[in-house]
Amino acid sequence: MRSSMSSKGNCWDDAPTESCWDRLKTAGVHGHKFATKEQAKQAVPDWMACYNQRRLHASLGFLSPMPFEQRWYEAQRKKAA
């Protein structure tokens, strides 16, 4: 994952990405003391897995993003059938 700026220089285009980076830094690694560089590297995918698969979001009906998206795709398949 890499932060970027839109070709127009509109910072609002990147608001979701910047929000994700902020959450990673504050909840995932800020204040943690890692014994090795490898532990620090592993903290990022561990946090992302938690954020996407286990963390409940009020705006998604108290589901985590992955189950919410899976339900949405299933509903789209049923509509198409």
PDB file of N, CA and C in Angstrom:
ATOM      1  N   MET A   1       0.849  -1.156   0.000  1.00  0.00           N
ATOM      2  CA  MET A   1       0.000   0.000   0.000  1.00  0.00           C
ATOM      3  C   MET A   1       0.902   1.229   0.000  1.00  0.00           C
ATOM      4  N   ARG A   2       0.565   2.215  -0.858  1.00  0.00           N
ATOM      5  CA  ARG A   2       1.384   3.406  -0.947  1.00  0.00           C
ATOM      6  C   ARG A   2       0.479   4.619  -1.097  1.00  0.00           C
ATOM      7  N   SER A   3       0.736   5.648  -0.335  1.00  0.00           N
ATOM      8  CA  SER A   3      -0.032   6.875  -0.442  1.00  0.00           C
ATOM      9  C   SER A   3       0.306   7.570  -1.737  1.00  0.00           C
ATOM     10  N   SER A   4      -0.669   8.285  -2.286  1.00  0.00           N
ATOM     11  CA  SER A   4      -0.419   9.024  -3.516  1.00  0.00           C
ATOM     12  C   SER A   4      -1.329  10.241  -3.564  1.00  0.00           C
ATOM     13  N   MET A   5      -1.057  11.103  -4.508  1.00  0.00           N
ATOM     14  CA  MET A   5      -1.887  12.278  -4.741  1.00  0.00           C
ATOM     15  C   MET A   5      -2.472  12.130  -6.133  1.00  0.00           C
ATOM     16  N   SER A   6      -3.705  12.564  -6.309  1.00  0.00           N
ATOM     17  CA  SER A   6      -4.330  12.468  -7.622  1.00  0.00           C
ATOM     18  C   SER A   6      -3.601  13.349  -8.625  1.00  0.00           C
ATOM     19  N   SER A   7      -3.850  13.109  -9.902  1.00  0.00           N
ATOM     20  CA  SER A   7      -3.170  13.892 -10.936  1.00  0.00           C
ATOM     21  C   SER A   7      -3.555  15.365 -10.866  1.00  0.00           C
ATOM     22  N   LYS A   8      -4.751  15.658 -10.322  1.00  0.00           N
ATOM     23  CA  LYS A   8      -5.186  17.040 -10.175  1.00  0.00           C
ATOM     24  C   LYS A   8      -4.624  17.668  -8.907  1.00  0.00           C
ATOM     25  N   GLY A   9      -4.060  16.871  -8.046  1.00  0.00           N
ATOM     26  CA  GLY A   9      -3.568  17.385  -6.779  1.00  0.00           C
ATOM     27  C   GLY A   9      -4.688  17.567  -5.757  1.00  0.00           C
ATOM     28  N   ASN A  10      -5.773  16.850  -5.946  1.00  0.00           N
ATOM     29  CA  ASN A  10      -6.919  16.936  -5.048  1.00  0.00           C
ATOM     30  C   ASN A  10      -6.720  15.963  -3.893  1.00  0.00           C
ATOM     31  N   CYS A  11      -6.411  16.500  -2.727  1.00  0.00           N
ATOM     32  CA  CYS A  11      -6.103  15.636  -1.586  1.00  0.00           C
ATOM     33  C   CYS A  11      -7.306  14.818  -1.130  1.00  0.00           C
ATOM     34  N   TRP A  12      -8.523  15.246  -1.443  1.00  0.00           N
ATOM     35  CA  TRP A  12      -9.709  14.502  -1.006  1.00  0.00           C
ATOM     36  C   TRP A  12      -9.831  13.171  -1.734  1.00  0.00           C
ATOM     37  N   ASP A  13      -9.202  13.043  -2.895  1.00  0.00           N
ATOM     38  CA  ASP A  13      -9.233  11.775  -3.620  1.00  0.00           C
ATOM     39  C   ASP A  13      -8.600  10.654  -2.802  1.00  0.00           C
ATOM     40  N   ASP A  14      -7.648  11.006  -1.960  1.00  0.00           N
ATOM     41  CA  ASP A  14      -6.913  10.010  -1.201  1.00  0.00           C
ATOM     42  C   ASP A  14      -7.352   9.914   0.264  1.00  0.00           C
ATOM     43  N   ALA A  15      -8.472  10.519   0.601  1.00  0.00           N
ATOM     44  CA  ALA A  15      -8.917  10.526   1.997  1.00  0.00           C
ATOM     45  C   ALA A  15      -9.079   9.115   2.568  1.00  0.00           C
ATOM     46  N   PRO A  16      -9.687   8.145   1.847  1.00  0.00           N
ATOM     47  CA  PRO A  16      -9.807   6.802   2.429  1.00  0.00           C
ATOM     48  C   PRO A  16      -8.453   6.149   2.693  1.00  0.00           C
ATOM     49  N   THR A  17      -7.504   6.338   1.768  1.00  0.00           N
ATOM     50  CA  THR A  17      -6.177   5.757   1.958  1.00  0.00           C
ATOM     51  C   THR A  17      -5.463   6.406   3.134  1.00  0.00           C
ATOM     52  N   GLU A  18      -5.545   7.726   3.210  1.00  0.00           N
ATOM     53  CA  GLU A  18      -4.899   8.425   4.319  1.00  0.00           C
ATOM     54  C   GLU A  18      -5.521   8.019   5.652  1.00  0.00           C
ATOM     55  N   SER A  19      -6.831   7.813   5.673  1.00  0.00           N
ATOM     56  CA  SER A  19      -7.505   7.366   6.890  1.00  0.00           C
ATOM     57  C   SER A  19      -7.005   5.985   7.314  1.00  0.00           C
ATOM     58  N   CYS A  20      -6.830   5.111   6.339  1.00  0.00           N
ATOM     59  CA  CYS A  20      -6.323   3.764   6.632  1.00  0.00           C
ATOM     60  C   CYS A  20      -4.908   3.836   7.203  1.00  0.00           C
ATOM     61  N   TRP A  21      -4.032   4.638   6.583  1.00  0.00           N
ATOM     62  CA  TRP A  21      -2.663   4.799   7.087  1.00  0.00           C
ATOM     63  C   TRP A  21      -2.683   5.331   8.516  1.00  0.00           C
ATOM     64  N   ASP A  22      -3.556   6.294   8.782  1.00  0.00           N
ATOM     65  CA  ASP A  22      -3.645   6.865  10.125  1.00  0.00           C
ATOM     66  C   ASP A  22      -4.047   5.808  11.141  1.00  0.00           C
ATOM     67  N   ARG A  23      -5.050   5.010  10.796  1.00  0.00           N
ATOM     68  CA  ARG A  23      -5.492   3.960  11.720  1.00  0.00           C
ATOM     69  C   ARG A  23      -4.401   2.925  11.955  1.00  0.00           C
ATOM     70  N   LEU A  24      -3.687   2.576  10.890  1.00  0.00           N
ATOM     71  CA  LEU A  24      -2.584   1.626  11.049  1.00  0.00           C
ATOM     72  C   LEU A  24      -1.550   2.180  12.010  1.00  0.00           C
ATOM     73  N   LYS A  25      -1.185   3.429  11.816  1.00  0.00           N
ATOM     74  CA  LYS A  25      -0.148   4.018  12.666  1.00  0.00           C
ATOM     75  C   LYS A  25      -0.605   4.151  14.112  1.00  0.00           C
ATOM     76  N   THR A  26      -1.821   4.599  14.340  1.00  0.00           N
ATOM     77  CA  THR A  26      -2.264   4.834  15.715  1.00  0.00           C
ATOM     78  C   THR A  26      -2.677   3.554  16.433  1.00  0.00           C
ATOM     79  N   ALA A  27      -3.391   2.669  15.753  1.00  0.00           N
ATOM     80  CA  ALA A  27      -3.879   1.453  16.418  1.00  0.00           C
ATOM     81  C   ALA A  27      -2.965   0.257  16.214  1.00  0.00           C
ATOM     82  N   GLY A  28      -2.245   0.234  15.115  1.00  0.00           N
ATOM     83  CA  GLY A  28      -1.467  -0.952  14.789  1.00  0.00           C
ATOM     84  C   GLY A  28      -0.043  -0.967  15.272  1.00  0.00           C
ATOM     85  N   VAL A  29       0.639   0.179  15.231  1.00  0.00           N
ATOM     86  CA  VAL A  29       2.061   0.145  15.560  1.00  0.00           C
ATOM     87  C   VAL A  29       2.508   1.220  16.542  1.00  0.00           C
ATOM     88  N   HIS A  30       1.752   2.285  16.706  1.00  0.00           N
ATOM     89  CA  HIS A  30       2.180   3.380  17.589  1.00  0.00           C
ATOM     90  C   HIS A  30       2.326   2.886  19.025  1.00  0.00           C
ATOM     91  N   GLY A  31       3.462   3.149  19.605  1.00  0.00           N
ATOM     92  CA  GLY A  31       3.709   2.784  20.990  1.00  0.00           C
ATOM     93  C   GLY A  31       4.161   1.349  21.197  1.00  0.00           C
ATOM     94  N   HIS A  32       4.149   0.537  20.149  1.00  0.00           N
ATOM     95  CA  HIS A  32       4.598  -0.843  20.272  1.00  0.00           C
ATOM     96  C   HIS A  32       6.122  -0.894  20.152  1.00  0.00           C
ATOM     97  N   LYS A  33       6.708  -1.694  20.975  1.00  0.00           N
ATOM     98  CA  LYS A  33       8.162  -1.925  20.917  1.00  0.00           C
ATOM     99  C   LYS A  33       8.384  -3.297  20.291  1.00  0.00           C
ATOM    100  N   PHE A  34       9.020  -3.314  19.148  1.00  0.00           N
ATOM    101  CA  PHE A  34       9.287  -4.557  18.449  1.00  0.00           C
ATOM    102  C   PHE A  34      10.727  -4.981  18.698  1.00  0.00           C
ATOM    103  N   ALA A  35      10.900  -6.253  18.989  1.00  0.00           N
ATOM    104  CA  ALA A  35      12.232  -6.770  19.263  1.00  0.00           C
ATOM    105  C   ALA A  35      13.056  -6.885  17.988  1.00  0.00           C
ATOM    106  N   THR A  36      12.391  -7.180  16.879  1.00  0.00           N
ATOM    107  CA  THR A  36      13.114  -7.332  15.614  1.00  0.00           C
ATOM    108  C   THR A  36      12.376  -6.595  14.501  1.00  0.00           C
ATOM    109  N   LYS A  37      13.077  -6.386  13.417  1.00  0.00           N
ATOM    110  CA  LYS A  37      12.483  -5.761  12.236  1.00  0.00           C
ATOM    111  C   LYS A  37      11.391  -6.671  11.660  1.00  0.00           C
ATOM    112  N   GLU A  38      11.605  -7.964  11.722  1.00  0.00           N
ATOM    113  CA  GLU A  38      10.621  -8.920  11.215  1.00  0.00           C
ATOM    114  C   GLU A  38       9.309  -8.841  11.993  1.00  0.00           C
ATOM    115  N   GLN A  39       9.387  -8.654  13.306  1.00  0.00           N
ATOM    116  CA  GLN A  39       8.164  -8.490  14.103  1.00  0.00           C
ATOM    117  C   GLN A  39       7.408  -7.236  13.688  1.00  0.00           C
ATOM    118  N   ALA A  40       8.132  -6.188  13.430  1.00  0.00           N
ATOM    119  CA  ALA A  40       7.497  -4.942  12.980  1.00  0.00           C
ATOM    120  C   ALA A  40       6.848  -5.139  11.618  1.00  0.00           C
ATOM    121  N   LYS A  41       7.523  -5.829  10.712  1.00  0.00           N
ATOM    122  CA  LYS A  41       6.957  -6.097   9.388  1.00  0.00           C
ATOM    123  C   LYS A  41       5.692  -6.944   9.495  1.00  0.00           C
ATOM    124  N   GLN A  42       5.679  -7.903  10.389  1.00  0.00           N
ATOM    125  CA  GLN A  42       4.526  -8.793  10.543  1.00  0.00           C
ATOM    126  C   GLN A  42       3.346  -8.075  11.180  1.00  0.00           C
ATOM    127  N   ALA A  43       3.606  -7.015  11.921  1.00  0.00           N
ATOM    128  CA  ALA A  43       2.519  -6.281  12.572  1.00  0.00           C
ATOM    129  C   ALA A  43       1.565  -5.662  11.559  1.00  0.00           C
ATOM    130  N   VAL A  44       2.065  -5.280  10.393  1.00  0.00           N
ATOM    131  CA  VAL A  44       1.210  -4.633   9.378  1.00  0.00           C
ATOM    132  C   VAL A  44       0.185  -5.605   8.814  1.00  0.00           C
ATOM    133  N   PRO A  45       0.571  -6.764   8.257  1.00  0.00           N
ATOM    134  CA  PRO A  45      -0.462  -7.678   7.752  1.00  0.00           C
ATOM    135  C   PRO A  45      -1.374  -8.213   8.858  1.00  0.00           C
ATOM    136  N   ASP A  46      -0.841  -8.376  10.072  1.00  0.00           N
ATOM    137  CA  ASP A  46      -1.695  -8.812  11.188  1.00  0.00           C
ATOM    138  C   ASP A  46      -2.772  -7.782  11.460  1.00  0.00           C
ATOM    139  N   TRP A  47      -2.386  -6.508  11.485  1.00  0.00           N
ATOM    140  CA  TRP A  47      -3.357  -5.442  11.721  1.00  0.00           C
ATOM    141  C   TRP A  47      -4.377  -5.375  10.590  1.00  0.00           C
ATOM    142  N   MET A  48      -3.905  -5.495   9.341  1.00  0.00           N
ATOM    143  CA  MET A  48      -4.813  -5.429   8.198  1.00  0.00           C
ATOM    144  C   MET A  48      -5.824  -6.572   8.230  1.00  0.00           C
ATOM    145  N   ALA A  49      -5.396  -7.751   8.621  1.00  0.00           N
ATOM    146  CA  ALA A  49      -6.311  -8.889   8.720  1.00  0.00           C
ATOM    147  C   ALA A  49      -7.372  -8.613   9.779  1.00  0.00           C
ATOM    148  N   CYS A  50      -6.948  -8.094  10.901  1.00  0.00           N
ATOM    149  CA  CYS A  50      -7.906  -7.753  11.965  1.00  0.00           C
ATOM    150  C   CYS A  50      -8.869  -6.684  11.486  1.00  0.00           C
ATOM    151  N   TYR A  51      -8.351  -5.643  10.857  1.00  0.00           N
ATOM    152  CA  TYR A  51      -9.171  -4.518  10.413  1.00  0.00           C
ATOM    153  C   TYR A  51     -10.205  -4.957   9.375  1.00  0.00           C
ATOM    154  N   ASN A  52      -9.800  -5.807   8.451  1.00  0.00           N
ATOM    155  CA  ASN A  52     -10.700  -6.200   7.373  1.00  0.00           C
ATOM    156  C   ASN A  52     -11.598  -7.381   7.695  1.00  0.00           C
ATOM    157  N   GLN A  53     -11.171  -8.248   8.593  1.00  0.00           N
ATOM    158  CA  GLN A  53     -11.928  -9.473   8.816  1.00  0.00           C
ATOM    159  C   GLN A  53     -12.623  -9.554  10.163  1.00  0.00           C
ATOM    160  N   ARG A  54     -12.140  -8.813  11.156  1.00  0.00           N
ATOM    161  CA  ARG A  54     -12.720  -8.958  12.495  1.00  0.00           C
ATOM    162  C   ARG A  54     -13.274  -7.670  13.079  1.00  0.00           C
ATOM    163  N   ARG A  55     -12.753  -6.521  12.697  1.00  0.00           N
ATOM    164  CA  ARG A  55     -13.181  -5.247  13.299  1.00  0.00           C
ATOM    165  C   ARG A  55     -14.565  -4.875  12.797  1.00  0.00           C
ATOM    166  N   LEU A  56     -15.487  -4.663  13.710  1.00  0.00           N
ATOM    167  CA  LEU A  56     -16.862  -4.328  13.351  1.00  0.00           C
ATOM    168  C   LEU A  56     -16.983  -2.841  13.049  1.00  0.00           C
ATOM    169  N   HIS A  57     -17.756  -2.517  12.012  1.00  0.00           N
ATOM    170  CA  HIS A  57     -17.964  -1.137  11.595  1.00  0.00           C
ATOM    171  C   HIS A  57     -19.438  -0.792  11.750  1.00  0.00           C
ATOM    172  N   ALA A  58     -19.732   0.250  12.497  1.00  0.00           N
ATOM    173  CA  ALA A  58     -21.118   0.680  12.684  1.00  0.00           C
ATOM    174  C   ALA A  58     -21.770   1.032  11.355  1.00  0.00           C
ATOM    175  N   SER A  59     -21.011   1.664  10.459  1.00  0.00           N
ATOM    176  CA  SER A  59     -21.580   2.079   9.174  1.00  0.00           C
ATOM    177  C   SER A  59     -21.885   0.895   8.256  1.00  0.00           C
ATOM    178  N   LEU A  60     -21.383  -0.279   8.589  1.00  0.00           N
ATOM    179  CA  LEU A  60     -21.649  -1.479   7.786  1.00  0.00           C
ATOM    180  C   LEU A  60     -22.617  -2.417   8.508  1.00  0.00           C
ATOM    181  N   GLY A  61     -23.407  -1.869   9.401  1.00  0.00           N
ATOM    182  CA  GLY A  61     -24.354  -2.699  10.138  1.00  0.00           C
ATOM    183  C   GLY A  61     -23.675  -3.618  11.130  1.00  0.00           C
ATOM    184  N   PHE A  62     -22.587  -3.153  11.693  1.00  0.00           N
ATOM    185  CA  PHE A  62     -21.793  -3.898  12.673  1.00  0.00           C
ATOM    186  C   PHE A  62     -21.271  -5.219  12.115  1.00  0.00           C
ATOM    187  N   LEU A  63     -20.860  -5.164  10.855  1.00  0.00           N
ATOM    188  CA  LEU A  63     -20.125  -6.257  10.222  1.00  0.00           C
ATOM    189  C   LEU A  63     -18.714  -5.764   9.950  1.00  0.00           C
ATOM    190  N   SER A  64     -17.795  -6.686   9.764  1.00  0.00           N
ATOM    191  CA  SER A  64     -16.464  -6.286   9.324  1.00  0.00           C
ATOM    192  C   SER A  64     -16.502  -6.163   7.799  1.00  0.00           C
ATOM    193  N   PRO A  65     -15.528  -5.485   7.192  1.00  0.00           N
ATOM    194  CA  PRO A  65     -15.578  -5.237   5.753  1.00  0.00           C
ATOM    195  C   PRO A  65     -15.675  -6.491   4.875  1.00  0.00           C
ATOM    196  N   MET A  66     -14.958  -7.534   5.190  1.00  0.00           N
ATOM    197  CA  MET A  66     -14.978  -8.722   4.331  1.00  0.00           C
ATOM    198  C   MET A  66     -16.347  -9.395   4.300  1.00  0.00           C
ATOM    199  N   PRO A  67     -16.974  -9.703   5.432  1.00  0.00           N
ATOM    200  CA  PRO A  67     -18.319 -10.289   5.370  1.00  0.00           C
ATOM    201  C   PRO A  67     -19.338  -9.340   4.721  1.00  0.00           C
ATOM    202  N   PHE A  68     -19.190  -8.043   4.950  1.00  0.00           N
ATOM    203  CA  PHE A  68     -20.089  -7.081   4.321  1.00  0.00           C
ATOM    204  C   PHE A  68     -19.976  -7.163   2.806  1.00  0.00           C
ATOM    205  N   GLU A  69     -18.740  -7.194   2.309  1.00  0.00           N
ATOM    206  CA  GLU A  69     -18.522  -7.275   0.869  1.00  0.00           C
ATOM    207  C   GLU A  69     -19.005  -8.606   0.316  1.00  0.00           C
ATOM    208  N   GLN A  70     -18.798  -9.698   1.038  1.00  0.00           N
ATOM    209  CA  GLN A  70     -19.261 -11.003   0.580  1.00  0.00           C
ATOM    210  C   GLN A  70     -20.779 -11.035   0.474  1.00  0.00           C
ATOM    211  N   ARG A  71     -21.470 -10.441   1.434  1.00  0.00           N
ATOM    212  CA  ARG A  71     -22.937 -10.362   1.365  1.00  0.00           C
ATOM    213  C   ARG A  71     -23.385  -9.529   0.176  1.00  0.00           C
ATOM    214  N   TRP A  72     -22.672  -8.450  -0.079  1.00  0.00           N
ATOM    215  CA  TRP A  72     -23.031  -7.591  -1.205  1.00  0.00           C
ATOM    216  C   TRP A  72     -22.877  -8.342  -2.524  1.00  0.00           C
ATOM    217  N   TYR A  73     -21.750  -9.036  -2.709  1.00  0.00           N
ATOM    218  CA  TYR A  73     -21.532  -9.804  -3.940  1.00  0.00           C
ATOM    219  C   TYR A  73     -22.594 -10.901  -4.095  1.00  0.00           C
ATOM    220  N   GLU A  74     -22.935 -11.546  -3.015  1.00  0.00           N
ATOM    221  CA  GLU A  74     -23.959 -12.602  -3.077  1.00  0.00           C
ATOM    222  C   GLU A  74     -25.306 -12.007  -3.490  1.00  0.00           C
ATOM    223  N   ALA A  75     -25.644 -10.856  -2.970  1.00  0.00           N
ATOM    224  CA  ALA A  75     -26.901 -10.190  -3.355  1.00  0.00           C
ATOM    225  C   ALA A  75     -26.866  -9.811  -4.836  1.00  0.00           C
ATOM    226  N   GLN A  76     -25.708  -9.388  -5.345  1.00  0.00           N
ATOM    227  CA  GLN A  76     -25.592  -9.045  -6.760  1.00  0.00           C
ATOM    228  C   GLN A  76     -25.762 -10.293  -7.637  1.00  0.00           C
ATOM    229  N   ARG A  77     -25.197 -11.414  -7.200  1.00  0.00           N
ATOM    230  CA  ARG A  77     -25.346 -12.661  -7.952  1.00  0.00           C
ATOM    231  C   ARG A  77     -26.801 -13.089  -8.010  1.00  0.00           C
ATOM    232  N   LYS A  78     -27.508 -12.941  -6.893  1.00  0.00           N
ATOM    233  CA  LYS A  78     -28.933 -13.321  -6.859  1.00  0.00           C
ATOM    234  C   LYS A  78     -29.759 -12.422  -7.770  1.00  0.00           C
ATOM    235  N   LYS A  79     -29.416 -11.135  -7.815  1.00  0.00           N
ATOM    236  CA  LYS A  79     -30.147 -10.220  -8.709  1.00  0.00           C
ATOM    237  C   LYS A  79     -29.922 -10.581 -10.160  1.00  0.00           C
ATOM    238  N   ALA A  80     -28.701 -10.993 -10.481  1.00  0.00           N
ATOM    239  CA  ALA A  80     -28.350 -11.306 -11.867  1.00  0.00           C
ATOM    240  C   ALA A  80     -28.962 -12.628 -12.331  1.00  0.00           C
ATOM    241  N   ALA A  81     -29.258 -13.508 -11.396  1.00  0.00           N
ATOM    242  CA  ALA A  81     -29.771 -14.860 -11.751  1.00  0.00           C
ATOM    243  C   ALA A  81     -31.219 -14.852 -12.170  1.00  0.00           C
TER     244      ALA A  81
END
